[in-house]
Amino acid sequence: MEKVSVTIRTMKLSDINDAMKLSTSEGWNQTENDWRLLIENAENVCLLAEIDRKVIGTTTAINYSSKVAWVGMVLVNEAYRGLGVAKLLLTAVLKKVKFCRSVKLDATPVGKQVYQKFGFKDEYSIARMVNTSMTTMLIDDYEVVPDAIQLKHIPEIVSFDKFIFGTSRQQLIEFLIKQNPGKGWFLRRNNLVAGFVLGRDGSKYHQIGPVAAVTTNDAKILITKALESLRNQPVVVDVLCDKEDMINWLHSIGFIKQRHFIRMYKDENYCPGTIDKQYMICGPEFG
């Protein structure tokens, strides 16, 4: 392809249709609501690449309390790859989030090679697991019955998630709870939050995550509760690879590993969070 001029500009809500075409063409699970969350918040950075006013690429960075910038949605139209578009987008987005203490992302094995050139380092691996028709349940008698998350519980969930993730993700937690009623559950022990699960609809699968809990058993109770409303439906989860017991349990109820991601951080990992209590992420676009 002959040399062309690529324009990088800020995304607008009117760009959602073009952005959806890019993510759908890659078989990704995003919805218009996901794109809207990223674009509507002025603290986030959402960029797209154009050639002759045709949208050919995107990238986003969701701002978590100005402590962590979460880079995602790095997409380039297949016909325009090899022109350095991804490099242009990443250079631009990283420049705009320099004020954040930490920059993180979840990379595919192919993407990892690109991110390493920008100073990103490996933190840990995440397995994407799918169940195309959820039918099997393992827990019939709950030791502790999860409670449905209501709007009044948001501050408690945000606080617990902050301890697990490493900084506040209030805009994400609020979005998931408000946009997906009936998909969030939490446990209390000794009158304190001991774990929670959130979920959302996707364009291909129902996604469960994030899941954080004090113990693996509590995480299983929460996930089972979330799965109750998803019988005979396709479900996807992104589970930390060090949670071998959880992965084996998911295999036993019909989940199959599809691929994996590598969580990466740029330069220094200032916000590692509490990894041993994190079981599933929200998705690579949100962390």
Protein backbone atom coordinates (compact mmCIF):
# COMPACT_ATOMS: atom_id res chain seq x y z
CA MET A 1 0.00 0.00 0.00
CA GLU A 2 1.30 3.45 -0.90
CA LYS A 3 2.09 5.91 1.84
CA VAL A 4 -1.04 7.53 3.27
CA SER A 5 -1.77 10.25 5.79
CA VAL A 6 -3.23 9.01 9.08
CA THR A 7 -5.17 11.42 11.29
CA ILE A 8 -5.52 10.76 15.03
CA ARG A 9 -8.45 12.44 16.78
CA THR A 10 -10.65 12.16 19.87
CA MET A 11 -13.60 9.79 19.63
CA LYS A 12 -17.15 11.07 19.88
CA LEU A 13 -20.40 9.27 20.64
CA SER A 14 -21.24 9.54 16.95
CA ASP A 15 -18.23 7.28 16.26
CA ILE A 16 -19.68 4.31 18.16
CA ASN A 17 -21.09 2.66 15.04
CA ASP A 18 -17.68 2.70 13.32
CA ALA A 19 -15.99 1.50 16.52
CA MET A 20 -18.46 -1.38 16.80
CA LYS A 21 -17.69 -2.43 13.24
CA LEU A 22 -14.01 -2.71 14.16
CA SER A 23 -14.54 -4.70 17.36
CA THR A 24 -17.18 -6.95 15.76
CA SER A 25 -14.91 -7.71 12.79
CA GLU A 26 -12.33 -9.07 15.28
CA GLY A 27 -14.93 -11.23 17.02
CA TRP A 28 -14.68 -9.20 20.22
CA ASN A 29 -17.48 -9.11 22.79
CA GLN A 30 -18.03 -5.35 23.23
CA THR A 31 -21.42 -3.67 23.00
CA GLU A 32 -22.41 -0.10 22.21
CA ASN A 33 -22.86 0.43 25.96
CA ASP A 34 -19.23 -0.54 26.57
CA TRP A 35 -18.03 1.98 24.01
CA ARG A 36 -20.37 4.60 25.48
CA LEU A 37 -18.88 4.16 28.97
CA LEU A 38 -15.40 4.74 27.59
CA ILE A 39 -16.31 7.77 25.48
CA GLU A 40 -18.79 9.60 27.73
CA ASN A 41 -16.47 10.12 30.71
CA ALA A 42 -14.33 13.17 29.99
CA GLU A 43 -11.53 11.80 32.20
CA ASN A 44 -11.00 8.87 29.83
CA VAL A 45 -8.95 9.05 26.65
CA CYS A 46 -10.53 7.61 23.51
CA LEU A 47 -8.76 8.05 20.19
CA LEU A 48 -9.35 6.90 16.65
CA ALA A 49 -7.32 6.82 13.48
CA GLU A 50 -8.70 7.96 10.15
CA ILE A 51 -7.56 7.88 6.55
CA ASP A 52 -9.57 10.14 4.26
CA ARG A 53 -12.18 10.38 7.03
CA LYS A 54 -12.57 6.60 7.17
CA VAL A 55 -12.18 5.16 10.68
CA ILE A 56 -9.45 2.52 10.56
CA GLY A 57 -8.33 2.19 14.17
CA THR A 58 -9.06 2.92 17.82
CA THR A 59 -7.54 2.88 21.27
CA THR A 60 -8.86 3.87 24.68
CA ALA A 61 -7.57 4.52 28.18
CA ILE A 62 -10.00 4.48 31.08
CA ASN A 63 -8.89 6.68 33.96
CA TYR A 64 -9.11 5.02 37.36
CA SER A 65 -8.83 7.86 39.91
CA SER A 66 -5.81 9.31 38.05
CA LYS A 67 -3.79 6.47 39.57
CA VAL A 68 -4.12 3.85 36.83
CA ALA A 69 -4.74 4.45 33.12
CA TRP A 70 -6.12 1.26 31.60
CA VAL A 71 -5.30 0.98 27.89
CA GLY A 72 -7.62 -1.10 25.73
CA MET A 73 -9.51 -1.42 22.46
CA VAL A 74 -6.37 -1.25 20.35
CA LEU A 75 -7.94 -2.09 17.00
CA VAL A 76 -6.74 -1.58 13.44
CA ASN A 77 -8.72 -2.48 10.34
CA GLU A 78 -7.02 -5.52 8.78
CA ALA A 79 -6.66 -3.79 5.41
CA TYR A 80 -4.56 -1.03 7.01
CA ARG A 81 -2.19 -3.06 9.16
CA GLY A 82 1.54 -2.69 8.63
CA LEU A 83 1.31 1.08 8.27
CA GLY A 84 2.26 1.83 11.88
CA VAL A 85 -1.29 2.84 12.85
CA ALA A 86 -1.20 0.97 16.18
CA LYS A 87 2.10 2.64 17.02
CA LEU A 88 0.64 6.08 16.26
CA LEU A 89 -2.42 5.39 18.43
CA LEU A 90 -0.39 4.04 21.34
CA THR A 91 2.09 6.91 21.20
CA ALA A 92 -0.78 9.40 21.29
CA VAL A 93 -2.72 7.72 24.11
CA LEU A 94 0.36 7.22 26.30
CA LYS A 95 1.25 10.87 25.92
CA LYS A 96 -2.22 11.85 27.16
CA VAL A 97 -2.12 9.62 30.27
CA LYS A 98 1.36 10.58 31.51
CA PHE A 99 -0.24 12.19 34.57
CA CYS A 100 -1.39 8.75 35.82
CA ARG A 101 0.92 6.98 38.23
CA SER A 102 0.58 3.64 36.47
CA VAL A 103 -0.37 2.47 32.98
CA LYS A 104 -1.63 -1.07 32.48
CA LEU A 105 -3.26 -3.31 29.88
CA ASP A 106 -4.12 -6.90 29.05
CA ALA A 107 -2.30 -8.00 25.89
CA THR A 108 -2.76 -10.84 23.46
CA PRO A 109 0.45 -12.80 22.74
CA VAL A 110 0.76 -10.94 19.43
CA GLY A 111 0.07 -7.55 21.01
CA LYS A 112 2.61 -8.22 23.75
CA GLN A 113 5.45 -7.83 21.24
CA VAL A 114 4.20 -4.34 20.36
CA TYR A 115 3.71 -3.24 23.96
CA GLN A 116 7.17 -4.40 25.02
CA LYS A 117 8.61 -1.79 22.66
CA PHE A 118 6.77 0.87 24.69
CA GLY A 119 8.28 -0.29 27.98
CA PHE A 120 5.53 -2.64 29.15
CA LYS A 121 6.48 -5.63 31.31
CA ASP A 122 4.67 -8.87 32.19
CA GLU A 123 2.75 -9.07 35.47
CA TYR A 124 0.71 -12.30 35.17
CA SER A 125 -1.39 -14.37 32.76
CA ILE A 126 -5.17 -14.59 32.37
CA ALA A 127 -7.08 -17.44 30.73
CA ARG A 128 -10.19 -16.72 28.70
CA MET A 129 -12.67 -19.57 29.18
CA VAL A 130 -16.00 -20.03 27.43
CA ASN A 131 -19.07 -22.17 27.89
CA THR A 132 -21.29 -22.01 24.83
CA SER A 133 -24.35 -23.32 26.68
CA MET A 134 -24.19 -23.16 30.46
CA THR A 135 -26.02 -26.18 31.93
CA THR A 136 -24.06 -27.71 34.86
CA MET A 137 -24.20 -26.41 38.41
CA LEU A 138 -22.16 -27.76 41.32
CA ILE A 139 -23.42 -25.92 44.40
CA ASP A 140 -27.01 -26.62 45.43
CA ASP A 141 -26.86 -25.72 49.10
CA TYR A 142 -25.10 -22.42 49.74
CA GLU A 143 -23.09 -22.18 52.94
CA VAL A 144 -23.72 -18.44 52.74
CA VAL A 145 -26.42 -17.11 50.45
CA PRO A 146 -25.23 -14.18 48.30
CA ASP A 147 -27.23 -10.96 48.36
CA ALA A 148 -28.19 -9.07 45.22
CA ILE A 149 -26.19 -5.87 44.79
CA GLN A 150 -28.41 -2.79 44.91
CA LEU A 151 -27.52 0.83 44.23
CA LYS A 152 -27.15 1.48 47.96
CA HIS A 153 -24.36 -1.12 48.11
CA ILE A 154 -22.16 0.63 45.51
CA PRO A 155 -19.89 2.42 48.05
CA GLU A 156 -19.13 -0.87 49.84
CA ILE A 157 -18.39 -2.69 46.56
CA VAL A 158 -16.19 0.17 45.31
CA SER A 159 -14.24 0.12 48.59
CA PHE A 160 -13.69 -3.65 48.49
CA ASP A 161 -12.71 -3.52 44.80
CA LYS A 162 -10.22 -0.72 45.53
CA PHE A 163 -8.43 -3.02 47.98
CA ILE A 164 -8.31 -5.82 45.37
CA PHE A 165 -7.54 -3.81 42.21
CA GLY A 166 -5.19 -1.26 43.74
CA THR A 167 -7.18 1.93 43.18
CA SER A 168 -10.80 3.03 42.92
CA ARG A 169 -12.76 2.01 39.82
CA GLN A 170 -15.93 3.81 40.81
CA GLN A 171 -17.04 4.75 37.29
CA LEU A 172 -16.71 1.13 36.13
CA ILE A 173 -18.42 -0.41 39.18
CA GLU A 174 -21.31 2.05 38.98
CA PHE A 175 -21.71 1.40 35.25
CA LEU A 176 -21.80 -2.39 35.67
CA ILE A 177 -24.29 -2.30 38.52
CA LYS A 178 -26.61 0.31 37.00
CA GLN A 179 -26.55 -1.06 33.45
CA ASN A 180 -26.84 -4.73 34.41
CA PRO A 181 -29.44 -5.09 37.18
CA GLY A 182 -29.70 -8.58 38.59
CA LYS A 183 -26.18 -9.58 37.53
CA GLY A 184 -24.32 -8.46 40.65
CA TRP A 185 -24.02 -10.40 43.92
CA PHE A 186 -22.01 -10.05 47.11
CA LEU A 187 -21.27 -11.94 50.32
CA ARG A 188 -20.96 -10.68 53.87
CA ARG A 189 -19.04 -12.32 56.67
CA ASN A 190 -18.94 -10.76 60.14
CA ASN A 191 -21.01 -7.93 58.64
CA LEU A 192 -18.22 -7.05 56.17
CA VAL A 193 -18.10 -7.55 52.40
CA ALA A 194 -16.15 -10.76 51.75
CA GLY A 195 -16.56 -10.93 47.99
CA PHE A 196 -18.56 -9.85 44.97
CA VAL A 197 -19.30 -10.78 41.37
CA LEU A 198 -20.51 -8.50 38.60
CA GLY A 199 -21.55 -9.29 35.05
CA ARG A 200 -22.70 -7.76 31.83
CA ASP A 201 -24.21 -8.64 28.48
CA GLY A 202 -21.84 -8.86 25.52
CA SER A 203 -22.34 -9.01 21.79
CA LYS A 204 -21.40 -12.71 21.75
CA TYR A 205 -21.30 -13.94 25.35
CA HIS A 206 -22.53 -12.96 28.77
CA GLN A 207 -19.37 -11.91 30.64
CA ILE A 208 -18.91 -12.68 34.32
CA GLY A 209 -16.38 -10.49 36.09
CA PRO A 210 -14.84 -8.93 37.98
CA VAL A 211 -14.88 -11.50 40.77
CA ALA A 212 -13.06 -10.79 44.01
CA ALA A 213 -13.33 -12.78 47.22
CA VAL A 214 -11.48 -13.55 50.42
CA THR A 215 -11.55 -17.31 49.69
CA THR A 216 -11.82 -19.56 46.65
CA ASN A 217 -14.96 -21.18 48.05
CA ASP A 218 -16.65 -17.81 48.37
CA ALA A 219 -15.65 -17.01 44.79
CA LYS A 220 -17.26 -20.28 43.63
CA ILE A 221 -20.46 -19.49 45.53
CA LEU A 222 -20.65 -16.06 43.89
CA ILE A 223 -19.93 -17.37 40.39
CA THR A 224 -22.51 -20.14 40.76
CA LYS A 225 -25.11 -17.59 41.82
CA ALA A 226 -24.27 -15.43 38.81
CA LEU A 227 -24.60 -18.45 36.50
CA GLU A 228 -28.08 -19.37 37.75
CA SER A 229 -29.72 -16.81 35.47
CA LEU A 230 -27.56 -17.83 32.48
CA ARG A 231 -28.66 -21.43 31.95
CA ASN A 232 -28.40 -22.59 28.33
CA GLN A 233 -26.70 -19.34 27.36
CA PRO A 234 -23.13 -18.60 26.21
CA VAL A 235 -20.82 -17.34 28.98
CA VAL A 236 -17.24 -16.05 28.98
CA VAL A 237 -14.88 -15.51 31.92
CA ASP A 238 -11.32 -14.21 32.18
CA VAL A 239 -9.70 -15.97 35.13
CA LEU A 240 -6.23 -15.45 36.59
CA CYS A 241 -4.01 -18.38 35.64
CA ASP A 242 -2.62 -18.79 39.16
CA LYS A 243 -6.13 -19.78 40.34
CA GLU A 244 -5.64 -23.43 39.34
CA ASP A 245 -8.40 -24.75 41.59
CA MET A 246 -10.84 -22.28 40.07
CA ILE A 247 -9.78 -23.20 36.53
CA ASN A 248 -10.21 -26.92 37.26
CA TRP A 249 -13.65 -26.23 38.73
CA LEU A 250 -14.64 -24.22 35.67
CA HIS A 251 -13.50 -27.11 33.45
CA SER A 252 -15.71 -29.45 35.47
CA ILE A 253 -18.81 -27.36 34.73
CA GLY A 254 -18.17 -27.14 31.00
CA PHE A 255 -15.85 -24.18 30.46
CA ILE A 256 -13.05 -24.55 27.90
CA LYS A 257 -9.92 -22.42 27.57
CA GLN A 258 -10.09 -20.34 24.43
CA ARG A 259 -6.96 -18.16 24.61
CA HIS A 260 -4.98 -16.11 27.08
CA PHE A 261 -3.93 -12.56 27.87
CA ILE A 262 -0.85 -11.17 29.55
CA ARG A 263 -1.40 -8.42 32.09
CA MET A 264 1.31 -5.82 31.59
CA TYR A 265 2.40 -2.57 33.23
CA LYS A 266 4.49 0.26 31.86
CA ASP A 267 7.84 0.97 33.53
CA GLU A 268 6.86 0.39 37.19
CA ASN A 269 3.93 -1.46 38.81
CA TYR A 270 2.79 1.15 41.32
CA CYS A 271 -0.70 -0.34 41.83
CA PRO A 272 -0.41 -4.14 42.02
CA GLY A 273 -3.53 -4.63 44.11
CA THR A 274 -4.20 -7.83 46.07
CA ILE A 275 -3.80 -10.55 43.46
CA ASP A 276 -4.51 -13.55 45.69
CA LYS A 277 -8.11 -12.35 46.19
CA GLN A 278 -8.76 -11.49 42.54
CA TYR A 279 -10.26 -14.39 40.59
CA MET A 280 -11.72 -12.91 37.42
CA ILE A 281 -11.16 -9.63 35.67
CA CYS A 282 -13.85 -7.48 34.08
CA GLY A 283 -12.40 -7.99 30.61
CA PRO A 284 -9.23 -6.87 28.84
CA GLU A 285 -10.72 -3.50 27.93
CA PHE A 286 -11.48 -2.66 31.59
CA GLY A 287 -9.00 -4.66 33.66
